[in-house]
Amino acid sequence: MEDDCCKNKSNKTSEGGNMKNYLLVGMMVLILLISVVQAFQIKSMKAALSGNAVRATNANNANEGGETYEEMMARMHPDQVAAKSSSSGNSLPTMVGGC
């Protein structure tokens, strides 16, 4: 009788071990699938970001109808550009130190 009891215990343990193995393999496959999906998502995001950066650089290029740095400074700070042009050859700074 003791032999039957022990045989049943070993069968139950091996069935539970098989179930754990299937569960473990299933989880590993799920993690692998998620990793593959995220790799493709990251790749597409990188492509989208680099594509936008190239387009933005070309759109602001001075040769394609944008304004140059000097034109932008003249538009944003007209008083500084007027002060530069009115000084006749004197390129020394007028302010020393401080904020």
N, C-alpha and C. Protein backbone atom coordinates (compact mmCIF):
# COMPACT_ATOMS: atom_id res chain seq x y z
N MET A 1 0.81 -1.19 0.00
CA MET A 1 0.00 0.00 0.00
C MET A 1 0.86 1.26 0.00
N GLU A 2 1.95 1.20 0.70
CA GLU A 2 2.81 2.37 0.75
C GLU A 2 3.40 2.67 -0.62
N ASP A 3 3.65 1.63 -1.39
CA ASP A 3 4.20 1.85 -2.71
C ASP A 3 3.20 2.58 -3.60
N ASP A 4 1.90 2.25 -3.50
CA ASP A 4 0.89 2.93 -4.31
C ASP A 4 0.79 4.40 -3.92
N CYS A 5 0.89 4.67 -2.68
CA CYS A 5 0.80 6.04 -2.19
C CYS A 5 1.95 6.88 -2.73
N CYS A 6 3.13 6.34 -2.67
CA CYS A 6 4.31 7.07 -3.14
C CYS A 6 4.29 7.27 -4.65
N LYS A 7 3.77 6.26 -5.37
CA LYS A 7 3.68 6.39 -6.83
C LYS A 7 2.72 7.50 -7.21
N ASN A 8 1.62 7.63 -6.50
CA ASN A 8 0.65 8.69 -6.80
C ASN A 8 1.24 10.06 -6.52
N LYS A 9 2.01 10.18 -5.47
CA LYS A 9 2.63 11.46 -5.15
C LYS A 9 3.62 11.85 -6.24
N SER A 10 4.40 10.93 -6.71
CA SER A 10 5.37 11.26 -7.74
C SER A 10 4.68 11.64 -9.05
N ASN A 11 3.57 11.01 -9.37
CA ASN A 11 2.83 11.36 -10.58
C ASN A 11 2.24 12.76 -10.46
N LYS A 12 1.70 13.10 -9.31
CA LYS A 12 1.12 14.44 -9.12
C LYS A 12 2.21 15.50 -9.19
N THR A 13 3.35 15.20 -8.63
CA THR A 13 4.45 16.15 -8.66
C THR A 13 4.95 16.36 -10.08
N SER A 14 5.06 15.32 -10.85
CA SER A 14 5.54 15.47 -12.22
C SER A 14 4.52 16.19 -13.09
N GLU A 15 3.23 15.98 -12.84
CA GLU A 15 2.21 16.72 -13.59
C GLU A 15 2.27 18.20 -13.26
N GLY A 16 2.45 18.52 -11.98
CA GLY A 16 2.59 19.92 -11.58
C GLY A 16 3.86 20.53 -12.15
N GLY A 17 4.91 19.77 -12.22
CA GLY A 17 6.17 20.25 -12.80
C GLY A 17 6.02 20.51 -14.28
N ASN A 18 5.29 19.66 -14.97
CA ASN A 18 5.04 19.87 -16.40
C ASN A 18 4.23 21.14 -16.61
N MET A 19 3.25 21.36 -15.74
CA MET A 19 2.43 22.56 -15.86
C MET A 19 3.28 23.81 -15.64
N LYS A 20 4.19 23.75 -14.67
CA LYS A 20 5.09 24.87 -14.42
C LYS A 20 6.00 25.11 -15.62
N ASN A 21 6.47 24.04 -16.23
CA ASN A 21 7.33 24.18 -17.40
C ASN A 21 6.59 24.84 -18.55
N TYR A 22 5.34 24.41 -18.80
CA TYR A 22 4.54 25.01 -19.87
C TYR A 22 4.27 26.49 -19.58
N LEU A 23 3.98 26.79 -18.33
CA LEU A 23 3.75 28.17 -17.95
C LEU A 23 5.00 29.01 -18.13
N LEU A 24 6.13 28.47 -17.75
CA LEU A 24 7.40 29.18 -17.90
C LEU A 24 7.74 29.41 -19.37
N VAL A 25 7.56 28.39 -20.18
CA VAL A 25 7.83 28.54 -21.62
C VAL A 25 6.87 29.55 -22.23
N GLY A 26 5.61 29.51 -21.84
CA GLY A 26 4.62 30.47 -22.35
C GLY A 26 4.99 31.91 -21.99
N MET A 27 5.43 32.12 -20.76
CA MET A 27 5.84 33.46 -20.35
C MET A 27 7.07 33.94 -21.12
N MET A 28 8.00 33.05 -21.35
CA MET A 28 9.19 33.42 -22.12
C MET A 28 8.83 33.80 -23.55
N VAL A 29 7.93 33.05 -24.16
CA VAL A 29 7.49 33.36 -25.52
C VAL A 29 6.78 34.70 -25.54
N LEU A 30 5.95 34.97 -24.53
CA LEU A 30 5.25 36.25 -24.46
C LEU A 30 6.24 37.41 -24.32
N ILE A 31 7.23 37.25 -23.49
CA ILE A 31 8.25 38.29 -23.33
C ILE A 31 9.02 38.51 -24.63
N LEU A 32 9.32 37.44 -25.32
CA LEU A 32 10.02 37.55 -26.60
C LEU A 32 9.18 38.31 -27.62
N LEU A 33 7.90 38.01 -27.69
CA LEU A 33 7.01 38.71 -28.63
C LEU A 33 6.92 40.19 -28.29
N ILE A 34 6.79 40.51 -27.02
CA ILE A 34 6.72 41.91 -26.62
C ILE A 34 8.01 42.64 -26.99
N SER A 35 9.13 41.99 -26.79
CA SER A 35 10.42 42.60 -27.13
C SER A 35 10.54 42.87 -28.62
N VAL A 36 10.08 41.95 -29.43
CA VAL A 36 10.15 42.13 -30.88
C VAL A 36 9.25 43.29 -31.31
N VAL A 37 8.05 43.36 -30.75
CA VAL A 37 7.13 44.45 -31.10
C VAL A 37 7.73 45.79 -30.70
N GLN A 38 8.30 45.86 -29.50
CA GLN A 38 8.90 47.12 -29.05
C GLN A 38 10.12 47.50 -29.88
N ALA A 39 10.86 46.53 -30.35
CA ALA A 39 12.01 46.84 -31.20
C ALA A 39 11.56 47.50 -32.50
N PHE A 40 10.47 46.99 -33.09
CA PHE A 40 9.95 47.61 -34.31
C PHE A 40 9.40 49.00 -34.02
N GLN A 41 8.76 49.18 -32.88
CA GLN A 41 8.24 50.50 -32.53
C GLN A 41 9.37 51.50 -32.35
N ILE A 42 10.44 51.10 -31.69
CA ILE A 42 11.57 52.00 -31.49
C ILE A 42 12.22 52.35 -32.83
N LYS A 43 12.32 51.36 -33.69
CA LYS A 43 12.91 51.61 -35.02
C LYS A 43 12.08 52.62 -35.80
N SER A 44 10.76 52.48 -35.77
CA SER A 44 9.91 53.41 -36.51
C SER A 44 9.95 54.80 -35.88
N MET A 45 10.06 54.88 -34.55
CA MET A 45 10.16 56.19 -33.91
C MET A 45 11.47 56.89 -34.28
N LYS A 46 12.56 56.14 -34.33
CA LYS A 46 13.84 56.73 -34.72
C LYS A 46 13.79 57.25 -36.15
N ALA A 47 13.15 56.47 -37.03
CA ALA A 47 13.05 56.90 -38.42
C ALA A 47 12.20 58.16 -38.53
N ALA A 48 11.11 58.23 -37.76
CA ALA A 48 10.24 59.40 -37.80
C ALA A 48 10.95 60.63 -37.25
N LEU A 49 11.71 60.47 -36.19
CA LEU A 49 12.40 61.61 -35.60
C LEU A 49 13.50 62.12 -36.51
N SER A 50 14.28 61.24 -37.09
CA SER A 50 15.35 61.70 -37.97
C SER A 50 14.78 62.31 -39.24
N GLY A 51 13.66 61.81 -39.72
CA GLY A 51 13.02 62.38 -40.90
C GLY A 51 12.54 63.79 -40.64
N ASN A 52 11.95 64.04 -39.46
CA ASN A 52 11.48 65.38 -39.12
C ASN A 52 12.64 66.35 -38.96
N ALA A 53 13.73 65.90 -38.40
CA ALA A 53 14.88 66.78 -38.20
C ALA A 53 15.45 67.21 -39.54
N VAL A 54 15.50 66.31 -40.50
CA VAL A 54 16.03 66.65 -41.81
C VAL A 54 15.11 67.64 -42.51
N ARG A 55 13.81 67.41 -42.41
CA ARG A 55 12.86 68.33 -43.05
C ARG A 55 12.92 69.71 -42.41
N ALA A 56 13.04 69.78 -41.10
CA ALA A 56 13.08 71.07 -40.41
C ALA A 56 14.35 71.83 -40.78
N THR A 57 15.45 71.14 -40.92
CA THR A 57 16.71 71.79 -41.29
C THR A 57 16.61 72.34 -42.70
N ASN A 58 16.04 71.57 -43.61
CA ASN A 58 15.90 72.04 -44.99
C ASN A 58 14.92 73.19 -45.09
N ALA A 59 13.88 73.18 -44.27
CA ALA A 59 12.88 74.25 -44.34
C ALA A 59 13.45 75.57 -43.86
N ASN A 60 14.39 75.56 -42.92
CA ASN A 60 14.95 76.79 -42.38
C ASN A 60 16.23 77.20 -43.09
N ASN A 61 16.62 76.49 -44.11
CA ASN A 61 17.85 76.80 -44.81
C ASN A 61 17.70 78.13 -45.55
N ALA A 62 18.73 78.98 -45.49
CA ALA A 62 18.65 80.31 -46.10
C ALA A 62 18.54 80.23 -47.62
N ASN A 63 19.09 79.20 -48.23
CA ASN A 63 19.04 79.09 -49.68
C ASN A 63 17.66 78.72 -50.19
N GLU A 64 16.80 78.24 -49.33
CA GLU A 64 15.47 77.82 -49.76
C GLU A 64 14.39 78.80 -49.34
N GLY A 65 14.71 80.06 -49.21
CA GLY A 65 13.70 81.06 -48.91
C GLY A 65 13.64 81.47 -47.46
N GLY A 66 14.43 80.88 -46.59
CA GLY A 66 14.46 81.29 -45.19
C GLY A 66 15.30 82.54 -45.04
N GLU A 67 15.38 83.05 -43.81
CA GLU A 67 16.19 84.24 -43.59
C GLU A 67 17.53 83.87 -42.98
N THR A 68 18.50 84.68 -43.24
CA THR A 68 19.84 84.45 -42.69
C THR A 68 19.88 84.89 -41.24
N TYR A 69 20.97 84.59 -40.58
CA TYR A 69 21.14 84.98 -39.18
C TYR A 69 21.10 86.50 -39.02
N GLU A 70 21.76 87.20 -39.93
CA GLU A 70 21.79 88.67 -39.85
C GLU A 70 20.39 89.25 -40.04
N GLU A 71 19.62 88.68 -40.96
CA GLU A 71 18.25 89.17 -41.18
C GLU A 71 17.38 88.90 -39.95
N MET A 72 17.56 87.75 -39.34
CA MET A 72 16.79 87.43 -38.15
C MET A 72 17.15 88.39 -37.01
N MET A 73 18.44 88.65 -36.83
CA MET A 73 18.86 89.58 -35.78
C MET A 73 18.31 90.97 -36.04
N ALA A 74 18.30 91.40 -37.30
CA ALA A 74 17.76 92.72 -37.63
C ALA A 74 16.26 92.79 -37.34
N ARG A 75 15.57 91.72 -37.57
CA ARG A 75 14.12 91.69 -37.31
C ARG A 75 13.83 91.63 -35.82
N MET A 76 14.60 90.84 -35.06
CA MET A 76 14.30 90.65 -33.64
C MET A 76 14.90 91.73 -32.74
N HIS A 77 16.03 92.30 -33.13
CA HIS A 77 16.72 93.31 -32.32
C HIS A 77 17.12 94.49 -33.19
N PRO A 78 16.17 95.28 -33.61
CA PRO A 78 16.51 96.38 -34.53
C PRO A 78 17.40 97.44 -33.88
N ASP A 79 17.28 97.65 -32.58
CA ASP A 79 18.10 98.67 -31.93
C ASP A 79 19.58 98.27 -31.90
N GLN A 80 19.87 97.00 -31.74
CA GLN A 80 21.26 96.56 -31.73
C GLN A 80 21.88 96.64 -33.11
N VAL A 81 21.10 96.32 -34.13
CA VAL A 81 21.62 96.39 -35.49
C VAL A 81 21.86 97.84 -35.87
N ALA A 82 20.98 98.75 -35.45
CA ALA A 82 21.17 100.18 -35.75
C ALA A 82 22.40 100.72 -35.03
N ALA A 83 22.62 100.28 -33.80
CA ALA A 83 23.80 100.74 -33.05
C ALA A 83 25.08 100.24 -33.70
N LYS A 84 25.07 99.03 -34.22
CA LYS A 84 26.26 98.51 -34.89
C LYS A 84 26.57 99.29 -36.16
N SER A 85 25.52 99.58 -36.94
CA SER A 85 25.76 100.26 -38.21
C SER A 85 26.13 101.72 -38.00
N SER A 86 25.68 102.35 -36.90
CA SER A 86 25.98 103.76 -36.69
C SER A 86 27.41 103.97 -36.17
N SER A 87 27.97 102.96 -35.51
CA SER A 87 29.35 103.10 -35.02
C SER A 87 30.28 103.01 -36.22
N SER A 88 31.11 104.02 -36.37
CA SER A 88 31.98 104.08 -37.54
C SER A 88 33.31 103.40 -37.24
N GLY A 89 33.37 102.13 -37.45
CA GLY A 89 34.61 101.41 -37.31
C GLY A 89 35.01 101.11 -35.87
N ASN A 90 34.30 101.61 -34.89
CA ASN A 90 34.65 101.39 -33.50
C ASN A 90 33.94 100.12 -33.03
N SER A 91 34.71 99.03 -32.88
CA SER A 91 34.10 97.78 -32.50
C SER A 91 34.35 97.42 -31.05
N LEU A 92 34.73 98.42 -30.24
CA LEU A 92 34.96 98.16 -28.83
C LEU A 92 33.62 98.01 -28.10
N PRO A 93 33.56 97.15 -27.10
CA PRO A 93 32.29 97.00 -26.37
C PRO A 93 31.99 98.25 -25.55
N THR A 94 30.73 98.54 -25.42
CA THR A 94 30.32 99.73 -24.64
C THR A 94 30.00 99.40 -23.20
N MET A 95 29.71 98.15 -22.90
CA MET A 95 29.39 97.74 -21.54
C MET A 95 30.49 96.82 -21.03
N VAL A 96 30.85 97.02 -19.76
CA VAL A 96 31.88 96.19 -19.17
C VAL A 96 31.29 95.47 -17.97
N GLY A 97 31.47 94.15 -17.91
CA GLY A 97 31.04 93.35 -16.75
C GLY A 97 29.54 93.29 -16.61
N GLY A 98 29.06 93.04 -15.40
CA GLY A 98 27.67 93.09 -14.93
C GLY A 98 26.60 92.50 -15.83
N CYS A 99 25.46 92.41 -15.22
CA CYS A 99 24.29 91.86 -15.92
C CYS A 99 23.67 92.93 -16.71
